[in-house]
């Protein structure tokens, strides 16, 4: 019974940890979006997000290709 309580507690704490981590990222992205939304519309934010993601992907691919 003690072992079962131990595993139950660990699983419950692990689920709470993942929930807190998800909430942290959602709050962070929400704050960034709220700040950026003061200066530009959602379409422009999406466009810059796509451009930044493409730039990061290009840099990763260049690193992998030049690693040889």
PDB file of N, CA and C in Angstrom:
ATOM      1  N   UNK A   1       0.822  -1.189   0.000  1.00  0.00           N
ATOM      2  CA  UNK A   1       0.000   0.000   0.000  1.00  0.00           C
ATOM      3  C   UNK A   1       0.871   1.260   0.000  1.00  0.00           C
ATOM      4  N   UNK A   2       1.959   1.198   0.733  1.00  0.00           N
ATOM      5  CA  UNK A   2       2.868   2.341   0.792  1.00  0.00           C
ATOM      6  C   UNK A   2       3.491   2.621  -0.568  1.00  0.00           C
ATOM      7  N   UNK A   3       3.840   1.555  -1.291  1.00  0.00           N
ATOM      8  CA  UNK A   3       4.419   1.719  -2.624  1.00  0.00           C
ATOM      9  C   UNK A   3       3.406   2.328  -3.580  1.00  0.00           C
ATOM     10  N   UNK A   4       2.161   1.906  -3.487  1.00  0.00           N
ATOM     11  CA  UNK A   4       1.112   2.443  -4.343  1.00  0.00           C
ATOM     12  C   UNK A   4       0.909   3.931  -4.064  1.00  0.00           C
ATOM     13  N   UNK A   5       0.897   4.325  -2.799  1.00  0.00           N
ATOM     14  CA  UNK A   5       0.770   5.744  -2.454  1.00  0.00           C
ATOM     15  C   UNK A   5       1.960   6.551  -2.961  1.00  0.00           C
ATOM     16  N   UNK A   6       3.140   5.954  -2.907  1.00  0.00           N
ATOM     17  CA  UNK A   6       4.342   6.624  -3.386  1.00  0.00           C
ATOM     18  C   UNK A   6       4.238   6.919  -4.885  1.00  0.00           C
ATOM     19  N   UNK A   7       3.881   5.891  -5.669  1.00  0.00           N
ATOM     20  CA  UNK A   7       3.759   6.078  -7.119  1.00  0.00           C
ATOM     21  C   UNK A   7       2.613   7.022  -7.469  1.00  0.00           C
ATOM     22  N   UNK A   8       1.525   6.944  -6.739  1.00  0.00           N
ATOM     23  CA  UNK A   8       0.387   7.831  -6.981  1.00  0.00           C
ATOM     24  C   UNK A   8       0.781   9.293  -6.733  1.00  0.00           C
ATOM     25  N   UNK A   9       1.533   9.524  -5.687  1.00  0.00           N
ATOM     26  CA  UNK A   9       1.990  10.882  -5.375  1.00  0.00           C
ATOM     27  C   UNK A   9       2.954  11.389  -6.441  1.00  0.00           C
ATOM     28  N   UNK A  10       3.873  10.543  -6.871  1.00  0.00           N
ATOM     29  CA  UNK A  10       4.840  10.953  -7.893  1.00  0.00           C
ATOM     30  C   UNK A  10       4.119  11.283  -9.202  1.00  0.00           C
ATOM     31  N   UNK A  11       3.158  10.471  -9.595  1.00  0.00           N
ATOM     32  CA  UNK A  11       2.423  10.723 -10.836  1.00  0.00           C
ATOM     33  C   UNK A  11       1.622  12.013 -10.725  1.00  0.00           C
ATOM     34  N   UNK A  12       0.981  12.231  -9.594  1.00  0.00           N
ATOM     35  CA  UNK A  12       0.199  13.452  -9.400  1.00  0.00           C
ATOM     36  C   UNK A  12       1.101  14.691  -9.452  1.00  0.00           C
ATOM     37  N   UNK A  13       2.258  14.622  -8.817  1.00  0.00           N
ATOM     38  CA  UNK A  13       3.193  15.752  -8.837  1.00  0.00           C
ATOM     39  C   UNK A  13       3.758  15.988 -10.235  1.00  0.00           C
ATOM     40  N   UNK A  14       4.009  14.918 -10.973  1.00  0.00           N
ATOM     41  CA  UNK A  14       4.509  15.042 -12.335  1.00  0.00           C
ATOM     42  C   UNK A  14       3.476  15.706 -13.244  1.00  0.00           C
ATOM     43  N   UNK A  15       2.223  15.323 -13.116  1.00  0.00           N
ATOM     44  CA  UNK A  15       1.152  15.945 -13.903  1.00  0.00           C
ATOM     45  C   UNK A  15       1.025  17.419 -13.527  1.00  0.00           C
ATOM     46  N   UNK A  16       1.101  17.736 -12.240  1.00  0.00           N
ATOM     47  CA  UNK A  16       1.048  19.137 -11.811  1.00  0.00           C
ATOM     48  C   UNK A  16       2.224  19.942 -12.361  1.00  0.00           C
ATOM     49  N   UNK A  17       3.402  19.328 -12.403  1.00  0.00           N
ATOM     50  CA  UNK A  17       4.580  20.003 -12.948  1.00  0.00           C
ATOM     51  C   UNK A  17       4.377  20.332 -14.420  1.00  0.00           C
ATOM     52  N   UNK A  18       3.890  19.362 -15.205  1.00  0.00           N
ATOM     53  CA  UNK A  18       3.660  19.607 -16.626  1.00  0.00           C
ATOM     54  C   UNK A  18       2.572  20.654 -16.840  1.00  0.00           C
ATOM     55  N   UNK A  19       1.549  20.653 -16.010  1.00  0.00           N
ATOM     56  CA  UNK A  19       0.494  21.661 -16.111  1.00  0.00           C
ATOM     57  C   UNK A  19       1.047  23.047 -15.798  1.00  0.00           C
ATOM     58  N   UNK A  20       1.854  23.157 -14.754  1.00  0.00           N
ATOM     59  CA  UNK A  20       2.462  24.449 -14.413  1.00  0.00           C
ATOM     60  C   UNK A  20       3.401  24.937 -15.514  1.00  0.00           C
ATOM     61  N   UNK A  21       4.160  24.024 -16.111  1.00  0.00           N
ATOM     62  CA  UNK A  21       5.061  24.393 -17.198  1.00  0.00           C
ATOM     63  C   UNK A  21       4.272  24.896 -18.403  1.00  0.00           C
ATOM     64  N   UNK A  22       3.185  24.215 -18.743  1.00  0.00           N
ATOM     65  CA  UNK A  22       2.339  24.648 -19.856  1.00  0.00           C
ATOM     66  C   UNK A  22       1.755  26.025 -19.581  1.00  0.00           C
ATOM     67  N   UNK A  23       1.265  26.234 -18.361  1.00  0.00           N
ATOM     68  CA  UNK A  23       0.700  27.535 -17.998  1.00  0.00           C
ATOM     69  C   UNK A  23       1.751  28.643 -18.068  1.00  0.00           C
ATOM     70  N   UNK A  24       2.995  28.339 -17.684  1.00  0.00           N
ATOM     71  CA  UNK A  24       4.069  29.316 -17.760  1.00  0.00           C
ATOM     72  C   UNK A  24       4.306  29.761 -19.201  1.00  0.00           C
ATOM     73  N   UNK A  25       4.388  28.790 -20.128  1.00  0.00           N
ATOM     74  CA  UNK A  25       4.615  29.131 -21.529  1.00  0.00           C
ATOM     75  C   UNK A  25       3.428  29.877 -22.125  1.00  0.00           C
ATOM     76  N   UNK A  26       2.217  29.474 -21.766  1.00  0.00           N
ATOM     77  CA  UNK A  26       1.031  30.155 -22.289  1.00  0.00           C
ATOM     78  C   UNK A  26       0.988  31.593 -21.781  1.00  0.00           C
ATOM     79  N   UNK A  27       1.273  31.806 -20.510  1.00  0.00           N
ATOM     80  CA  UNK A  27       1.294  33.162 -19.957  1.00  0.00           C
ATOM     81  C   UNK A  27       2.388  34.017 -20.607  1.00  0.00           C
ATOM     82  N   UNK A  28       3.557  33.410 -20.839  1.00  0.00           N
ATOM     83  CA  UNK A  28       4.649  34.132 -21.456  1.00  0.00           C
ATOM     84  C   UNK A  28       4.284  34.553 -22.879  1.00  0.00           C
ATOM     85  N   UNK A  29       3.759  33.623 -23.665  1.00  0.00           N
ATOM     86  CA  UNK A  29       3.374  33.947 -25.037  1.00  0.00           C
ATOM     87  C   UNK A  29       2.216  34.933 -25.072  1.00  0.00           C
ATOM     88  N   UNK A  30       1.315  34.831 -24.118  1.00  0.00           N
ATOM     89  CA  UNK A  30       0.204  35.776 -24.054  1.00  0.00           C
ATOM     90  C   UNK A  30       0.701  37.186 -23.759  1.00  0.00           C
ATOM     91  N   UNK A  31       1.659  37.305 -22.856  1.00  0.00           N
ATOM     92  CA  UNK A  31       2.229  38.610 -22.545  1.00  0.00           C
ATOM     93  C   UNK A  31       2.976  39.213 -23.726  1.00  0.00           C
ATOM     94  N   UNK A  32       3.736  38.378 -24.431  1.00  0.00           N
ATOM     95  CA  UNK A  32       4.448  38.855 -25.621  1.00  0.00           C
ATOM     96  C   UNK A  32       3.448  39.300 -26.674  1.00  0.00           C
ATOM     97  N   UNK A  33       2.402  38.517 -26.869  1.00  0.00           N
ATOM     98  CA  UNK A  33       1.389  38.871 -27.871  1.00  0.00           C
ATOM     99  C   UNK A  33       0.680  40.164 -27.489  1.00  0.00           C
ATOM    100  N   UNK A  34       0.356  40.326 -26.227  1.00  0.00           N
ATOM    101  CA  UNK A  34      -0.323  41.549 -25.783  1.00  0.00           C
ATOM    102  C   UNK A  34       0.574  42.772 -25.996  1.00  0.00           C
ATOM    103  N   UNK A  35       1.868  42.618 -25.712  1.00  0.00           N
ATOM    104  CA  UNK A  35       2.804  43.729 -25.914  1.00  0.00           C
ATOM    105  C   UNK A  35       2.933  44.076 -27.398  1.00  0.00           C
ATOM    106  N   UNK A  36       3.134  43.046 -28.237  1.00  0.00           N
ATOM    107  CA  UNK A  36       3.311  43.298 -29.667  1.00  0.00           C
ATOM    108  C   UNK A  36       2.029  43.800 -30.319  1.00  0.00           C
ATOM    109  N   UNK A  37       0.879  43.411 -29.785  1.00  0.00           N
ATOM    110  CA  UNK A  37      -0.393  43.804 -30.369  1.00  0.00           C
ATOM    111  C   UNK A  37      -0.646  45.307 -30.218  1.00  0.00           C
ATOM    112  N   UNK A  38       0.059  45.970 -29.316  1.00  0.00           N
ATOM    113  CA  UNK A  38      -0.068  47.418 -29.192  1.00  0.00           C
ATOM    114  C   UNK A  38       0.508  48.131 -30.408  1.00  0.00           C
ATOM    115  N   UNK A  39       1.517  47.528 -31.039  1.00  0.00           N
ATOM    116  CA  UNK A  39       2.251  48.198 -32.101  1.00  0.00           C
ATOM    117  C   UNK A  39       1.913  47.708 -33.499  1.00  0.00           C
ATOM    118  N   UNK A  40       1.443  46.468 -33.626  1.00  0.00           N
ATOM    119  CA  UNK A  40       1.165  45.929 -34.955  1.00  0.00           C
ATOM    120  C   UNK A  40       0.005  44.945 -34.891  1.00  0.00           C
ATOM    121  N   UNK A  41      -0.604  44.695 -36.043  1.00  0.00           N
ATOM    122  CA  UNK A  41      -1.758  43.802 -36.097  1.00  0.00           C
ATOM    123  C   UNK A  41      -1.309  42.341 -36.039  1.00  0.00           C
ATOM    124  N   UNK A  42      -2.284  41.458 -35.890  1.00  0.00           N
ATOM    125  CA  UNK A  42      -1.985  40.033 -35.784  1.00  0.00           C
ATOM    126  C   UNK A  42      -1.343  39.478 -37.054  1.00  0.00           C
ATOM    127  N   UNK A  43      -1.760  39.982 -38.212  1.00  0.00           N
ATOM    128  CA  UNK A  43      -1.194  39.480 -39.464  1.00  0.00           C
ATOM    129  C   UNK A  43       0.298  39.782 -39.556  1.00  0.00           C
ATOM    130  N   UNK A  44       0.694  40.959 -39.122  1.00  0.00           N
ATOM    131  CA  UNK A  44       2.111  41.334 -39.149  1.00  0.00           C
ATOM    132  C   UNK A  44       2.902  40.498 -38.139  1.00  0.00           C
ATOM    133  N   UNK A  45       2.322  40.254 -36.969  1.00  0.00           N
ATOM    134  CA  UNK A  45       2.989  39.420 -35.961  1.00  0.00           C
ATOM    135  C   UNK A  45       3.205  38.016 -36.511  1.00  0.00           C
ATOM    136  N   UNK A  46       2.192  37.462 -37.192  1.00  0.00           N
ATOM    137  CA  UNK A  46       2.325  36.128 -37.793  1.00  0.00           C
ATOM    138  C   UNK A  46       3.407  36.137 -38.865  1.00  0.00           C
ATOM    139  N   UNK A  47       3.435  37.171 -39.688  1.00  0.00           N
ATOM    140  CA  UNK A  47       4.446  37.272 -40.742  1.00  0.00           C
ATOM    141  C   UNK A  47       5.860  37.313 -40.151  1.00  0.00           C
ATOM    142  N   UNK A  48       6.058  38.119 -39.108  1.00  0.00           N
ATOM    143  CA  UNK A  48       7.371  38.167 -38.463  1.00  0.00           C
ATOM    144  C   UNK A  48       7.707  36.837 -37.787  1.00  0.00           C
ATOM    145  N   UNK A  49       6.717  36.172 -37.212  1.00  0.00           N
ATOM    146  CA  UNK A  49       6.951  34.864 -36.598  1.00  0.00           C
ATOM    147  C   UNK A  49       7.407  33.833 -37.616  1.00  0.00           C
ATOM    148  N   UNK A  50       6.766  33.833 -38.782  1.00  0.00           N
ATOM    149  CA  UNK A  50       7.160  32.913 -39.846  1.00  0.00           C
ATOM    150  C   UNK A  50       8.568  33.241 -40.333  1.00  0.00           C
ATOM    151  N   UNK A  51       8.876  34.518 -40.486  1.00  0.00           N
ATOM    152  CA  UNK A  51      10.204  34.921 -40.952  1.00  0.00           C
ATOM    153  C   UNK A  51      11.286  34.534 -39.944  1.00  0.00           C
ATOM    154  N   UNK A  52      11.030  34.756 -38.668  1.00  0.00           N
ATOM    155  CA  UNK A  52      12.015  34.392 -37.636  1.00  0.00           C
ATOM    156  C   UNK A  52      12.203  32.880 -37.579  1.00  0.00           C
ATOM    157  N   UNK A  53      11.119  32.115 -37.686  1.00  0.00           N
ATOM    158  CA  UNK A  53      11.207  30.654 -37.681  1.00  0.00           C
ATOM    159  C   UNK A  53      12.005  30.157 -38.885  1.00  0.00           C
ATOM    160  N   UNK A  54      11.756  30.750 -40.060  1.00  0.00           N
ATOM    161  CA  UNK A  54      12.506  30.357 -41.257  1.00  0.00           C
ATOM    162  C   UNK A  54      13.990  30.684 -41.093  1.00  0.00           C
ATOM    163  N   UNK A  55      14.296  31.841 -40.524  1.00  0.00           N
ATOM    164  CA  UNK A  55      15.687  32.222 -40.303  1.00  0.00           C
ATOM    165  C   UNK A  55      16.376  31.240 -39.356  1.00  0.00           C
ATOM    166  N   UNK A  56      15.715  30.872 -38.283  1.00  0.00           N
ATOM    167  CA  UNK A  56      16.291  29.910 -37.335  1.00  0.00           C
ATOM    168  C   UNK A  56      16.488  28.557 -38.001  1.00  0.00           C
ATOM    169  N   UNK A  57      15.514  28.110 -38.816  1.00  0.00           N
ATOM    170  CA  UNK A  57      15.653  26.832 -39.520  1.00  0.00           C
ATOM    171  C   UNK A  57      16.828  26.864 -40.494  1.00  0.00           C
ATOM    172  N   UNK A  58      16.991  27.973 -41.206  1.00  0.00           N
ATOM    173  CA  UNK A  58      18.122  28.101 -42.127  1.00  0.00           C
ATOM    174  C   UNK A  58      19.441  28.038 -41.369  1.00  0.00           C
ATOM    175  N   UNK A  59      19.512  28.714 -40.231  1.00  0.00           N
ATOM    176  CA  UNK A  59      20.752  28.680 -39.444  1.00  0.00           C
ATOM    177  C   UNK A  59      21.051  27.266 -38.936  1.00  0.00           C
ATOM    178  N   UNK A  60      20.030  26.528 -38.531  1.00  0.00           N
ATOM    179  CA  UNK A  60      20.236  25.146 -38.065  1.00  0.00           C
ATOM    180  C   UNK A  60      20.715  24.275 -39.220  1.00  0.00           C
ATOM    181  N   UNK A  61      20.078  24.398 -40.389  1.00  0.00           N
ATOM    182  CA  UNK A  61      20.500  23.603 -41.542  1.00  0.00           C
ATOM    183  C   UNK A  61      21.915  23.944 -41.965  1.00  0.00           C
ATOM    184  N   UNK A  62      22.279  25.216 -41.935  1.00  0.00           N
ATOM    185  CA  UNK A  62      23.651  25.608 -42.283  1.00  0.00           C
ATOM    186  C   UNK A  62      24.646  25.004 -41.301  1.00  0.00           C
ATOM    187  N   UNK A  63      24.290  24.984 -40.022  1.00  0.00           N
ATOM    188  CA  UNK A  63      25.179  24.391 -39.020  1.00  0.00           C
ATOM    189  C   UNK A  63      25.346  22.904 -39.276  1.00  0.00           C
ATOM    190  N   UNK A  64      24.255  22.213 -39.583  1.00  0.00           N
ATOM    191  CA  UNK A  64      24.331  20.770 -39.811  1.00  0.00           C
ATOM    192  C   UNK A  64      25.131  20.468 -41.065  1.00  0.00           C
ATOM    193  N   UNK A  65      24.913  21.232 -42.141  1.00  0.00           N
ATOM    194  CA  UNK A  65      25.627  20.992 -43.391  1.00  0.00           C
ATOM    195  C   UNK A  65      27.112  21.318 -43.235  1.00  0.00           C
ATOM    196  N   UNK A  66      27.457  22.391 -42.560  1.00  0.00           N
ATOM    197  CA  UNK A  66      28.864  22.797 -42.413  1.00  0.00           C
ATOM    198  C   UNK A  66      29.578  22.030 -41.311  1.00  0.00           C
ATOM    199  N   UNK A  67      28.874  21.141 -40.619  1.00  0.00           N
ATOM    200  CA  UNK A  67      29.486  20.387 -39.529  1.00  0.00           C
ATOM    201  C   UNK A  67      30.543  19.416 -40.060  1.00  0.00           C
ATOM    202  N   UNK A  68      30.384  18.966 -41.269  1.00  0.00           N
ATOM    203  CA  UNK A  68      31.328  18.003 -41.853  1.00  0.00           C
ATOM    204  C   UNK A  68      32.652  18.569 -42.083  1.00  0.00           C
TER     205      UNK A  68
END
